[in-house]
Amino acid sequence: MHVLLLRTPKQHSMYYIALVTIAAIGILPNGTTGDNNSLYVANHPAQDSLTKIGKTVFYTHCSNCHKDSSVGLAPGFTILTTMTPRSIFAALTTGKMRAQAAPLSETERKAVAQWLTGSAVKTTTLPEAAYTKFTMPAAATPFDHSGWGNNMAGTGFRSNEQAGINRHNISTLTLKWVFAFPDATVMRTKPAVVGNWLLVGGQYGEVFALDRNTGKIGWQFMADAAVRGAIAVVRNGASVRAYFADFSTNVYALDVKTGNLVWKQRAGFDPQSAITGSVAVYNGMVYVPVSSVEVATAFNGNYPCCTSSGGLVAMDAGTGRLLWIHRVLPVAVLTGKTKRGKPIYSPSGAPVWSSPTIDAKNGLVFIGTGENYSRPSTTTSDAIQALDLKTGALKWNFQGTTQDAYNLACPVMENCPDSTGPDFDFGMAPMLVKRKDGKDILVVGQKSGEVYALQPGSGALLWKTRIGRGGMLGGIHWGMACDGRYAYAANADNIYAINKRDTSFPVSPGMYALDLFTGKVVWKTASPDCTGKPGCIAGNSAAPVASPGIVWAGGLDGVMRAYDTGSGHIIWEYNTSKNFDAVNGIKAHGGAIDGPPPVLSNGMLFVNSGYGMFGQLPGNVLLAFSVGEAER
């Protein structure tokens, strides 16, 4: 951990990126995933007695079922380290592990939670003034919004009626309130809009219902681990439910009227399964994308790499009952040994990082996959897949990059595959787009910096356009948007994680508009240079959102910008990387804008700010902007 703090942004390397990623998902500062936790002990010789007790209790009572290399549905060690201390303590005291933990004292349960997470069991108390009465809207409104891509097709588009912000009133857009998430450093969930309320998740498992006009809390729910994706809201008569997943692969259904849990079900099918994307709900089924933290666990040379697979899980929306599982890869088998004689398993990897996209007309659901973690590689990594909505059967597979085997042991550690791949995931949700001629096409961007148009029914390639150099953090990283005229691509080309193997294309971060018929670049607007500003990175990694005449995109420099869709000119901007006075009375600061797109609803703009990963600027705020009352 000290190595990370001593390196400056100009000293980024693949090794640095690997360490930061491992720290971000929870392996550090607790140590490696080996049995002796040697890295933590070496760097923290003065551990307190409670932490020592926790380590002893874990390896005496818990480790047999919670090893990263174990077989079964028990979360692996790495997954446990990503959970909140409060959630682990609750599981041991009143939750699913209470029978196993019955012999343990309260002190021992707290000690286990503290040792696994690196934090004491505590609950941040917000002031009474941060709360207000929750009143459920009687019916849906035209401004309601939920899910990752604004609609089942994932196009990231909001109409003038839905958005309430247009070219005529955008100049009146001003900051109305700021909500700060306690102790947070990463903001990567997208608010849902239900009438006058926002539903938004947090880094430590919080889900808040916030009054959209004041930012005050109507109710609060605590999940077991970080809520990293968007929340989907479904009305069915008098029933209004919110669906989401946490990083530990628990899927939740909440009663929006009360914030109470209706059901919870684990979706992970491997010990190191994780969820980084958003669920999609359609026709009584919840579609859950499954990724894996094994990409980081492989950094430990003693770990037998690698066995996990990405996938998609379908659940019954009413009960949480598991309906089907699609594994991108078959079960891994022993295929070789490392230079030191450690076992190598494959196939592995191909995580599904992002939200699934629904094609109701063709009865399909689309997902994007990432790289393999070990060799031999497969044809299903770095791919777009179409599955049957009802059964999960694979209908077609399109691969963007072949032979891409990579994990965070690369480039020099024990578990790095031979002939290291470039790590060119499809990290965004595919967009199902209807062109002006009425034809549906599937548009998707890749971390390679390439944008593809595919035929939805077959996966046949229609066109391909390269807009960036690409790299480990994008190229096209989190998403795109479309208004039926152009596809708008955010290109990160993060200079600290750029692809150095191919110099044939320039490093070119910024926003791009592509013609839907040909893929031709209509306009491009470079990310403004921020050289010399501490912690600032020029690039557009976060997903954008489109409305008539405007495309909205946040930058890694912390600036939220609105672009003219015809020319690419910047017509409005706001720097979020600063201190704020928060309505809930705690410290508030913005930082890099990465991950989810902003939300437009009834004359208001909601923006997450802060992304303390990969050397980017941390922050903990949700900002609410509003046009002038006379302009609504």
Foldseek 3Di string as FASTA:
>chain_A
DVVLVPDALVPFDLLNQLVLVLVVLFCPPLAALDLPSVNNCVVCVPDDPLLVLLSVCCVVQPQVCADQPDAWDAAHLSLLQQWALQLQLCCCPPNDNVVSNVVPDSSNSQSNSCSSHVDGDDDDDFDPLLADADDADQDADLQWAWDFQRDLLSFQEDECANFVDDPVQVVQKDFQFKAFDPPFFAAAEAWTDGPQWTWTWAQHQKTFTARQRQRGGNDIDGDGGGFHYIWDWDDDPRFIWIWGAHFSQKIFIAGPRHRHTPDIDHDDNHNFKTANATWDDDDQKIKGWIFGPVLSSVLPLQDADDWAFIWIWIAGNNYRHTQDIGTLDDTWDFDDAWPVGGTHIDFAGFGFHYYWHDDVVLQWIKTWTWFTAEDPGDQQHLWIWIAHNRYRHTDEIGHDDPRAHAGSNPDDHGSGYPPHHFTKTQNEYWGFAQAPVRATWIWGWIQCQKIWIARVNYRHTQAMDHDANGFNLGDAHYEWHDDNAWIKTFTFLWVSTGDPPDPPGDGFAFIWTAGPNYRDTQETDGFDDDPPDRQATGHFHEYWHDYVQWIWTFTLRQKTFIAGNNYRHTDDIDRQAAWDCHSSGDTWGFWGFHHGYWRRGSFKIWGHGRRPGPSTGTTGMIIIIGGDPVSD
